[in-house]
Protein backbone atom coordinates (compact mmCIF):
# COMPACT_ATOMS: atom_id res chain seq x y z
CA MET A 1 158.04 192.37 79.68
CA ALA A 2 161.73 192.41 81.65
CA ARG A 3 160.36 189.12 83.24
CA SER A 4 159.63 187.16 80.20
CA SER A 5 162.98 187.70 78.61
CA THR A 6 164.74 187.03 81.82
CA THR A 7 163.36 183.43 82.18
CA ALA A 8 164.18 182.92 78.08
CA ALA A 9 167.30 184.32 78.59
CA ALA A 10 168.07 181.96 81.72
CA LYS A 11 166.98 178.94 79.34
CA THR A 12 169.72 180.22 76.61
CA PRO A 13 173.46 179.88 76.31
CA ALA A 14 175.15 182.60 78.60
CA THR A 15 176.57 184.00 75.44
CA LYS A 16 172.93 184.17 74.27
CA LYS A 17 172.40 185.78 77.65
CA THR A 18 175.17 187.97 77.93
CA ALA A 19 174.24 189.48 74.32
CA LYS A 20 170.52 189.78 75.02
CA LYS A 21 171.70 191.79 78.83
CA SER A 22 174.24 194.00 76.59
CA ALA A 23 171.23 194.59 73.86
CA ALA A 24 168.63 195.75 76.60
CA LYS A 25 171.22 197.64 78.32
CA LYS A 26 172.24 199.45 74.74
CA SER A 27 168.16 199.99 74.45
CA ALA A 28 167.17 201.62 77.94
CA GLU A 29 170.70 203.80 77.90
CA GLU A 30 169.47 204.90 74.19
CA SER A 31 165.59 205.63 75.72
CA ALA A 32 166.89 207.35 78.48
CA ALA A 33 169.67 209.57 75.87
CA THR A 34 166.90 210.31 73.51
CA THR A 35 163.39 212.10 74.78
CA THR A 36 160.64 209.96 75.33
CA SER A 37 157.10 209.75 74.27
CA THR A 38 155.33 209.36 77.04
CA ARG A 39 155.47 209.25 80.54
CA THR A 40 153.56 207.95 83.58
CA ARG A 41 151.79 209.99 85.91
CA SER A 42 149.49 208.95 88.73
CA LYS A 43 146.28 209.55 86.95
CA ALA A 44 147.06 208.07 83.06
CA GLY A 45 144.22 210.10 81.72
CA ASP A 46 145.59 212.90 82.36
CA VAL A 47 148.60 212.39 80.00
CA ALA A 48 148.48 213.72 76.11
CA PRO A 49 149.60 210.25 74.18
CA THR A 50 152.51 210.37 71.99
CA LEU A 51 154.00 213.67 72.68
CA VAL A 52 157.63 213.87 73.12
CA VAL A 53 159.18 216.14 75.77
CA ARG A 54 162.35 216.83 77.07
CA ASP A 55 163.77 214.57 80.02
CA ASP A 56 163.47 217.16 82.25
CA GLU A 57 159.61 217.62 81.85
CA ALA A 58 156.85 216.25 82.59
CA ALA A 59 154.25 215.28 79.50
CA TRP A 60 151.91 216.93 78.15
CA THR A 61 148.49 216.48 80.03
CA LYS A 62 145.75 216.99 78.02
CA ALA A 63 144.49 220.11 79.87
CA GLU A 64 147.71 221.48 78.83
CA LEU A 65 147.40 220.25 75.19
CA LYS A 66 143.57 221.83 75.07
CA ALA A 67 145.03 225.12 75.90
CA VAL A 68 148.02 225.38 73.43
CA ARG A 69 145.67 223.73 70.90
CA LYS A 70 142.87 226.99 71.81
CA GLU A 71 145.84 229.45 71.54
CA ILE A 72 146.33 228.32 67.88
CA ASP A 73 142.91 227.91 67.08
CA ASP A 74 142.08 231.35 67.89
CA GLU A 75 145.21 233.20 66.74
CA VAL A 76 143.86 230.72 63.35
CA THR A 77 140.86 232.66 63.57
CA ARG A 78 142.55 236.14 64.03
CA LEU A 79 144.83 236.11 61.12
CA ARG A 80 142.00 235.09 58.72
CA THR A 81 139.68 237.68 59.92
CA GLU A 82 142.79 240.13 59.21
CA ILE A 83 143.65 238.43 55.83
CA GLU A 84 140.16 239.37 54.68
CA THR A 85 140.18 242.98 56.12
CA ALA A 86 143.79 243.26 54.70
CA GLU A 87 142.66 241.94 51.03
CA HIS A 88 139.50 244.03 51.59
CA ASP A 89 141.59 247.22 52.10
CA LEU A 90 143.82 246.04 49.19
CA VAL A 91 141.01 246.38 46.84
CA ASP A 92 140.44 249.98 47.83
CA LEU A 93 143.82 250.84 46.97
CA MET A 94 143.53 249.01 43.91
CA ARG A 95 140.28 251.18 43.01
CA ASP A 96 141.90 254.44 44.39
CA HIS A 97 144.78 253.69 42.52
CA ALA A 98 143.39 253.36 39.18
CA ASP A 99 141.19 256.57 40.28
CA GLY A 100 144.45 258.81 41.09
CA SER A 101 144.45 260.38 37.34
CA GLY A 102 145.68 263.67 37.80
CA ASP A 103 148.02 263.04 40.85
CA ASP A 104 151.21 264.12 41.04
CA GLN A 105 154.25 261.86 41.27
CA ALA A 106 154.79 262.55 45.11
CA ASP A 107 150.59 261.37 45.32
CA ALA A 108 150.95 258.40 43.04
CA GLY A 109 154.43 257.02 44.97
CA ALA A 110 152.83 257.81 48.19
CA LYS A 111 149.86 255.34 47.50
CA THR A 112 152.77 252.89 45.97
CA PHE A 113 154.12 252.86 48.80
CA GLU A 114 150.72 252.37 51.01
CA ARG A 115 149.42 249.04 48.48
CA GLU A 116 153.39 247.53 48.48
CA GLN A 117 153.31 247.64 52.72
CA GLU A 118 149.11 246.31 52.91
CA VAL A 119 150.52 243.59 50.29
CA THR A 120 153.73 242.71 52.53
CA LEU A 121 151.75 242.64 55.85
CA ALA A 122 149.11 240.05 54.31
CA ASN A 123 151.47 238.23 53.00
CA ASN A 124 153.45 238.09 56.56
CA THR A 125 149.67 237.57 57.59
CA ARG A 126 149.45 234.44 55.70
CA ALA A 127 152.71 233.02 56.29
CA MET A 128 151.65 233.07 60.04
CA LEU A 129 148.40 231.52 59.60
CA ILE A 130 150.79 228.65 57.62
CA GLN A 131 152.48 227.81 60.66
CA ASN A 132 149.37 227.72 62.88
CA LEU A 133 148.15 225.74 60.46
CA HIS A 134 150.61 223.49 60.35
CA ALA A 135 151.32 223.41 64.38
CA LEU A 136 147.30 222.09 64.84
CA GLU A 137 148.24 219.04 61.60
CA ARG A 138 151.68 218.16 64.21
CA ILE A 139 149.50 218.07 67.06
CA ASP A 140 146.81 216.23 64.90
CA ASP A 141 149.41 213.69 63.44
CA GLY A 142 151.59 213.06 67.36
CA THR A 143 154.58 214.70 65.98
CA TYR A 144 154.04 218.04 67.91
CA GLY A 145 157.09 219.05 70.32
CA ARG A 146 159.75 217.30 67.72
CA CYS A 147 161.94 219.25 66.00
CA GLU A 148 161.11 219.23 61.83
CA SER A 149 165.20 219.24 61.88
CA CYS A 150 167.14 217.00 64.40
CA GLY A 151 164.01 214.66 65.76
CA ASN A 152 164.66 215.73 69.90
CA ALA A 153 162.48 217.51 71.84
CA ILE A 154 161.44 221.36 71.26
CA GLY A 155 160.62 221.23 74.93
CA LYS A 156 157.24 222.07 76.63
CA LEU A 157 157.87 225.52 77.87
CA ARG A 158 159.61 226.68 74.66
CA LEU A 159 156.06 225.75 73.12
CA GLN A 160 153.36 226.96 75.36
CA ALA A 161 155.69 230.35 74.79
CA TYR A 162 155.83 229.69 71.02
CA PRO A 163 152.98 227.15 70.16
CA ARG A 164 154.22 227.28 66.35
CA ALA A 165 157.89 226.55 67.17
CA THR A 166 159.46 223.78 65.32
CA LEU A 167 162.59 223.41 65.27
CA CYS A 168 164.38 223.18 69.08
CA VAL A 169 167.02 225.83 70.63
CA THR A 170 169.72 224.25 69.14
CA CYS A 171 168.74 223.84 65.21
CA LYS A 172 166.87 227.69 65.42
CA THR A 173 170.17 228.90 66.67
CA LYS A 174 171.82 227.24 63.55
CA GLN A 175 169.37 228.33 61.59
CA GLU A 176 169.50 232.13 62.92
CA ARG A 177 173.74 232.19 62.23
CA ARG A 178 173.12 231.15 58.64
């Protein structure tokens, strides 16, 4: 590609040649400054296509991406089971609440507290399930690894440690300060 532009540039006036060189240089600098979506490796089949990584990291391999996907899938299965169990427990707590006639205020308060705690835990589990499903969607559509706030790479090591991450460290720090 660079060869054809050089050949074409040799046939154009000097001003166009200079403009093309500066545009190509600017494009190369922008590419180097931002993260890349694909990288070359010795075995092209090892590289997972179009996933963003930081400049100081190697591209995602298919094996790495498969391991992350398996971890997320396992977590989705676990969370769905946990939600099902929590919903069953909530039904039992609601049934016990109705049968609690004659309970004193302390018993009624304890049952209400326990029910509210189960609801909170179930809601937290649902939120984690949604995060995991969102991570799977991002893997499928090729946006996994890109910060949803600034568009920069999140970082492969961060994603391997916390696969549901949607923000880079900088944006997450800013979010937590608010």
